[in-house]
Protein backbone atom coordinates (compact mmCIF):
# COMPACT_ATOMS: atom_id res chain seq x y z
CA MET A 1 -35.77 -25.63 38.90
CA PRO A 2 -32.50 -23.70 39.45
CA LEU A 3 -32.48 -20.86 41.96
CA ARG A 4 -32.31 -17.81 39.69
CA GLY A 5 -32.74 -14.35 41.04
CA GLY A 6 -32.42 -15.46 44.63
CA PRO A 7 -32.10 -16.19 47.34
CA TYR A 8 -28.41 -15.33 47.41
CA VAL A 9 -25.72 -16.45 49.85
CA GLN A 10 -24.11 -13.56 51.69
CA ALA A 11 -22.12 -15.85 54.03
CA ALA A 12 -21.94 -19.57 54.75
CA CYS A 13 -19.39 -20.74 57.30
CA PHE A 14 -18.53 -22.30 60.63
CA CYS A 15 -17.22 -20.23 63.51
CA ASP A 16 -16.70 -20.42 67.26
CA THR A 17 -18.94 -17.57 68.35
CA VAL A 18 -21.61 -15.29 66.91
CA ILE A 19 -22.56 -11.98 68.48
CA GLU A 20 -25.83 -10.37 67.38
CA ASP A 21 -26.38 -6.71 68.29
CA LYS A 22 -29.72 -5.02 68.94
CA GLY A 23 -30.06 -4.14 65.26
CA GLY A 24 -29.67 -7.78 64.19
CA VAL A 25 -26.12 -7.29 62.82
CA LEU A 26 -23.92 -10.36 63.23
CA SER A 27 -20.26 -10.48 64.22
CA LEU A 28 -18.61 -13.81 63.44
CA ILE A 29 -15.71 -14.73 65.72
CA ARG A 30 -13.00 -17.17 64.61
CA VAL A 31 -14.31 -18.40 61.26
CA ILE A 32 -12.89 -21.87 60.58
CA ASP A 33 -12.55 -24.19 57.60
CA THR A 34 -10.04 -26.60 59.17
CA LEU A 35 -10.24 -28.43 62.47
CA THR A 36 -7.03 -30.05 63.76
CA HIS A 37 -7.23 -32.61 66.55
CA THR A 38 -4.02 -33.54 68.37
CA GLU A 39 -3.53 -36.56 70.61
CA ARG A 40 -0.55 -36.33 72.98
CA GLY A 41 1.06 -39.01 75.08
CA PRO A 42 3.62 -41.79 75.09
CA ASN A 43 1.56 -43.85 72.63
CA PRO A 44 -1.21 -41.83 70.92
CA PRO A 45 -3.55 -43.84 68.67
CA GLU A 46 -2.53 -44.32 65.04
CA ASP A 47 -6.05 -43.51 63.84
CA MET A 48 -8.01 -40.48 64.91
CA PRO A 49 -10.48 -41.24 67.69
CA PRO A 50 -13.98 -39.69 67.42
CA VAL A 51 -13.70 -35.93 67.94
CA PRO A 52 -16.72 -34.07 69.33
CA HIS A 53 -16.87 -30.43 68.25
CA VAL A 54 -19.18 -27.62 69.28
CA GLY A 55 -19.40 -24.51 67.13
CA LYS A 56 -21.77 -22.35 65.14
CA LEU A 57 -23.10 -22.84 61.64
CA VAL A 58 -23.89 -19.47 60.03
CA LEU A 59 -25.90 -18.89 56.88
CA MET A 60 -26.68 -15.32 55.84
CA LEU A 61 -29.10 -15.22 52.92
CA LYS A 62 -30.58 -12.33 50.91
CA SER A 63 -33.96 -12.73 49.24
CA GLY A 64 -33.52 -11.30 45.74
CA THR A 65 -36.68 -12.41 43.95
CA ALA A 66 -37.41 -15.16 46.49
CA ARG A 67 -40.55 -14.64 48.52
CA GLY A 68 -42.49 -16.77 50.93
CA ARG A 69 -41.67 -19.83 52.98
CA TRP A 70 -38.84 -22.18 52.02
CA ASN A 71 -37.40 -25.25 53.69
CA LEU A 72 -33.66 -25.14 54.28
CA ARG A 73 -31.73 -28.37 54.88
CA VAL A 74 -28.07 -28.78 55.76
CA VAL A 75 -26.84 -32.29 54.97
CA PRO A 76 -23.44 -33.38 56.35
CA GLU A 77 -21.43 -35.47 53.88
CA LEU A 78 -18.53 -37.43 55.40
CA PRO A 79 -15.16 -38.06 53.71
CA THR A 80 -16.41 -41.62 53.14
CA GLY A 81 -19.26 -40.29 50.98
CA GLU A 82 -22.01 -41.27 53.39
CA THR A 83 -24.41 -38.63 54.71
CA LYS A 84 -25.74 -37.94 58.19
CA GLU A 85 -29.10 -36.63 59.40
CA ALA A 86 -29.93 -33.18 58.07
CA LEU A 87 -30.60 -30.02 60.03
CA THR A 88 -33.92 -28.62 58.74
CA VAL A 89 -35.19 -25.06 59.22
CA SER A 90 -38.18 -23.21 57.75
CA LEU A 91 -37.32 -19.74 56.39
CA HIS A 92 -39.41 -16.82 55.18
CA PHE A 93 -38.15 -14.45 52.48
CA GLU A 94 -39.60 -10.98 51.96
CA GLY A 95 -37.84 -10.09 48.69
CA GLU A 96 -35.13 -7.71 47.47
CA GLU A 97 -32.24 -6.95 49.85
CA ARG A 98 -34.08 -8.26 52.89
CA GLY A 99 -32.89 -11.59 54.06
CA THR A 100 -32.62 -14.01 56.88
CA ASN A 101 -29.83 -15.33 59.05
CA VAL A 102 -29.53 -18.87 60.32
CA VAL A 103 -27.25 -19.32 63.32
CA ALA A 104 -27.33 -22.91 64.56
CA ASP A 105 -25.40 -24.66 67.30
CA MET A 106 -23.35 -27.40 65.71
CA HIS A 107 -22.73 -30.43 67.91
CA PHE A 108 -20.96 -32.87 65.62
CA VAL A 109 -18.73 -35.88 66.19
CA PHE A 110 -16.05 -36.21 63.51
CA GLU A 111 -15.14 -39.86 63.13
CA HIS A 112 -12.77 -39.61 60.15
CA GLU A 113 -9.95 -37.43 58.93
CA GLY A 114 -10.61 -35.68 55.67
CA LEU A 115 -12.93 -33.26 53.94
CA TYR A 116 -16.51 -32.93 55.17
CA TRP A 117 -19.08 -31.08 53.07
CA PHE A 118 -22.18 -29.55 54.57
CA ARG A 119 -24.56 -29.26 51.62
CA VAL A 120 -27.20 -26.54 51.89
CA TYR A 121 -30.52 -27.04 50.10
CA LEU A 122 -33.50 -24.74 49.70
CA ASP A 123 -36.46 -26.99 49.10
CA GLU A 124 -34.82 -29.52 46.74
CA GLU A 125 -32.20 -27.28 45.08
CA GLU A 126 -28.60 -27.18 46.31
CA LEU A 127 -27.83 -23.58 47.19
CA THR A 128 -24.22 -23.96 48.36
CA ALA A 129 -21.86 -26.27 50.25
CA ILE A 130 -19.58 -25.49 53.17
CA PRO A 131 -16.28 -27.42 53.39
CA LEU A 132 -14.65 -28.35 56.69
CA ARG A 133 -11.39 -30.29 56.71
CA VAL A 134 -10.53 -32.43 59.75
CA LYS A 135 -6.87 -33.22 60.40
CA TYR A 136 -5.33 -35.55 62.97
CA SER A 137 -1.93 -35.06 64.53
CA ARG A 138 -0.07 -37.40 66.86
CA MET A 139 2.42 -35.99 69.37
CA ILE A 140 4.53 -38.56 71.15
CA VAL A 141 5.62 -37.21 74.51
CA GLY A 142 6.78 -38.78 77.73
CA SER A 143 9.86 -40.44 79.01
CA THR A 144 11.03 -43.65 77.43
CA ALA A 145 14.20 -43.66 79.53
CA ARG A 146 14.80 -46.52 81.96
CA GLN A 147 14.37 -45.77 85.59
CA THR A 148 17.30 -46.66 87.77
């Protein structure tokens, strides 16, 4: 059954830091949709090595007509098409403009260059998807001159 009337996505993104004030208002610091990993040296690897990344996953949802308890799942989809283990959270919606925020620590190891999708489901319906592109850059540095 499609999600009609809510819940609605107010924000869905990755960022470095989230500050929550006493009133529950979030400030998102350094929102990212691209992660660039650079290897430097005289002979950096041709292919990107595994890149661990720590950041925040932020979902801000407004109830609309949704009420009660729902299961939220975030399923990472790799550029290869395979999926990884989902993050699962139980949410409670109170209706109308009231909502809920999910701020989760993201500890993820990116093993491939390319576009990752983090698909967000409420119960079994896909609510949205968050893209994150991973790029790899090689920087060849160091002396290749002969020592005398």
